[in-house]
Amino acid sequence: MDAFVAMRRFMVTNAEVFQRLSTMEYHQLEMQQHLQESDKRIESVTESFLAIIHNNNNIVSPLYNKNNSNEKDINDHCGYFSHD
């Protein structure tokens, strides 16, 4: 019985500490949720960006010959003419 009385006193005297701990846990959970949402947004933007780069590479790749690439071939293919 004395143990229960001591535990009750401990709880009453430390109620503010427990309340603050509860508040900190709540804020930590909110922060984790916010970070997860931010990570999803960043991942979405990154995927979109990579898709754009991939599509642009598919457009440019026929113009770029890895074995013998030079600016003149690409410019001629695109309709740009040098005034050599």
C-alpha atoms as a PDB file:
ATOM      1  CA  MET A   1       0.000   0.000   0.000  1.00  0.00           C
ATOM      2  CA  ASP A   2       2.851   2.393   0.806  1.00  0.00           C
ATOM      3  CA  ALA A   3       4.290   1.725  -2.645  1.00  0.00           C
ATOM      4  CA  PHE A   4       1.063   2.852  -4.317  1.00  0.00           C
ATOM      5  CA  VAL A   5       0.927   5.992  -2.192  1.00  0.00           C
ATOM      6  CA  ALA A   6       4.554   6.764  -3.042  1.00  0.00           C
ATOM      7  CA  MET A   7       3.861   6.158  -6.737  1.00  0.00           C
ATOM      8  CA  ARG A   8       0.842   8.486  -6.616  1.00  0.00           C
ATOM      9  CA  ARG A   9       2.908  11.209  -4.953  1.00  0.00           C
ATOM     10  CA  PHE A  10       5.619  10.739  -7.558  1.00  0.00           C
ATOM     11  CA  MET A  11       3.061  11.095 -10.353  1.00  0.00           C
ATOM     12  CA  VAL A  12       1.493  14.215  -8.831  1.00  0.00           C
ATOM     13  CA  THR A  13       4.798  15.936  -8.130  1.00  0.00           C
ATOM     14  CA  ASN A  14       6.144  15.111 -11.584  1.00  0.00           C
ATOM     15  CA  ALA A  15       2.955  15.723 -13.567  1.00  0.00           C
ATOM     16  CA  GLU A  16       4.487  18.715 -15.342  1.00  0.00           C
ATOM     17  CA  VAL A  17       7.473  16.633 -16.440  1.00  0.00           C
ATOM     18  CA  PHE A  18       5.167  13.938 -17.830  1.00  0.00           C
ATOM     19  CA  GLN A  19       3.072  16.576 -19.616  1.00  0.00           C
ATOM     20  CA  ARG A  20       6.170  18.111 -21.185  1.00  0.00           C
ATOM     21  CA  LEU A  21       7.404  14.663 -22.230  1.00  0.00           C
ATOM     22  CA  SER A  22       4.034  13.957 -23.826  1.00  0.00           C
ATOM     23  CA  THR A  23       4.179  17.287 -25.679  1.00  0.00           C
ATOM     24  CA  MET A  24       7.690  16.530 -26.931  1.00  0.00           C
ATOM     25  CA  GLU A  25       6.595  13.101 -28.187  1.00  0.00           C
ATOM     26  CA  TYR A  26       3.656  14.702 -30.001  1.00  0.00           C
ATOM     27  CA  HIS A  27       5.907  17.250 -31.684  1.00  0.00           C
ATOM     28  CA  GLN A  28       8.389  14.543 -32.642  1.00  0.00           C
ATOM     29  CA  LEU A  29       5.613  12.533 -34.320  1.00  0.00           C
ATOM     30  CA  GLU A  30       4.421  15.656 -36.145  1.00  0.00           C
ATOM     31  CA  MET A  31       7.980  16.332 -37.326  1.00  0.00           C
ATOM     32  CA  GLN A  32       8.400  12.755 -38.551  1.00  0.00           C
ATOM     33  CA  GLN A  33       5.163  13.021 -40.523  1.00  0.00           C
ATOM     34  CA  HIS A  34       6.264  16.343 -42.018  1.00  0.00           C
ATOM     35  CA  LEU A  35       9.646  14.867 -42.987  1.00  0.00           C
ATOM     36  CA  GLN A  36       7.977  11.873 -44.630  1.00  0.00           C
ATOM     37  CA  GLU A  37       5.743  14.186 -46.667  1.00  0.00           C
ATOM     38  CA  SER A  38       8.755  16.306 -47.631  1.00  0.00           C
ATOM     39  CA  ASP A  39      10.701  13.199 -48.643  1.00  0.00           C
ATOM     40  CA  LYS A  40       7.787  12.086 -50.850  1.00  0.00           C
ATOM     41  CA  ARG A  41       7.667  15.503 -52.518  1.00  0.00           C
ATOM     42  CA  ILE A  42      11.426  15.535 -53.093  1.00  0.00           C
ATOM     43  CA  GLU A  43      11.265  12.008 -54.508  1.00  0.00           C
ATOM     44  CA  SER A  44       8.425  13.026 -56.840  1.00  0.00           C
ATOM     45  CA  VAL A  45      10.311  16.081 -58.090  1.00  0.00           C
ATOM     46  CA  THR A  46      13.478  14.024 -58.555  1.00  0.00           C
ATOM     47  CA  GLU A  47      11.611  11.363 -60.534  1.00  0.00           C
ATOM     48  CA  SER A  48      10.022  14.033 -62.729  1.00  0.00           C
ATOM     49  CA  PHE A  49      13.375  15.710 -63.264  1.00  0.00           C
ATOM     50  CA  LEU A  50      15.029  12.410 -64.197  1.00  0.00           C
ATOM     51  CA  ALA A  51      12.172  11.627 -66.602  1.00  0.00           C
ATOM     52  CA  ILE A  52      12.651  15.007 -68.284  1.00  0.00           C
ATOM     53  CA  ILE A  53      16.396  14.418 -68.564  1.00  0.00           C
ATOM     54  CA  HIS A  54      15.770  10.931 -69.933  1.00  0.00           C
ATOM     55  CA  ASN A  55      13.306  12.275 -72.518  1.00  0.00           C
ATOM     56  CA  ASN A  56      15.722  15.034 -73.515  1.00  0.00           C
ATOM     57  CA  ASN A  57      18.526  12.499 -73.875  1.00  0.00           C
ATOM     58  CA  ASN A  58      16.313  10.424 -76.157  1.00  0.00           C
ATOM     59  CA  ILE A  59      15.730  13.498 -78.290  1.00  0.00           C
ATOM     60  CA  VAL A  60      19.394  14.488 -78.401  1.00  0.00           C
ATOM     61  CA  SER A  61      20.922  11.011 -78.590  1.00  0.00           C
ATOM     62  CA  PRO A  62      20.288  10.473 -82.346  1.00  0.00           C
ATOM     63  CA  LEU A  63      22.209  13.687 -82.941  1.00  0.00           C
ATOM     64  CA  TYR A  64      25.162  12.629 -80.837  1.00  0.00           C
ATOM     65  CA  ASN A  65      27.516  10.050 -82.251  1.00  0.00           C
ATOM     66  CA  LYS A  66      29.658   8.742 -79.406  1.00  0.00           C
ATOM     67  CA  ASN A  67      32.383   7.448 -81.722  1.00  0.00           C
ATOM     68  CA  ASN A  68      32.779  10.592 -83.817  1.00  0.00           C
ATOM     69  CA  SER A  69      30.938  13.475 -82.241  1.00  0.00           C
ATOM     70  CA  ASN A  70      31.626  16.960 -83.374  1.00  0.00           C
ATOM     71  CA  GLU A  71      29.687  20.156 -83.080  1.00  0.00           C
ATOM     72  CA  LYS A  72      29.419  20.661 -86.846  1.00  0.00           C
ATOM     73  CA  ASP A  73      27.442  17.422 -87.367  1.00  0.00           C
ATOM     74  CA  ILE A  74      25.006  18.322 -84.615  1.00  0.00           C
ATOM     75  CA  ASN A  75      24.627  21.910 -85.830  1.00  0.00           C
ATOM     76  CA  ASP A  76      24.048  20.751 -89.423  1.00  0.00           C
ATOM     77  CA  HIS A  77      21.435  18.267 -88.262  1.00  0.00           C
ATOM     78  CA  CYS A  78      19.651  20.928 -86.185  1.00  0.00           C
ATOM     79  CA  GLY A  79      19.649  23.429 -89.035  1.00  0.00           C
ATOM     80  CA  TYR A  80      22.395  25.647 -87.671  1.00  0.00           C
ATOM     81  CA  PHE A  81      24.989  26.626 -90.206  1.00  0.00           C
ATOM     82  CA  SER A  82      28.421  27.888 -89.426  1.00  0.00           C
ATOM     83  CA  HIS A  83      29.879  30.661 -91.507  1.00  0.00           C
ATOM     84  CA  ASP A  84      33.340  29.129 -91.990  1.00  0.00           C
END
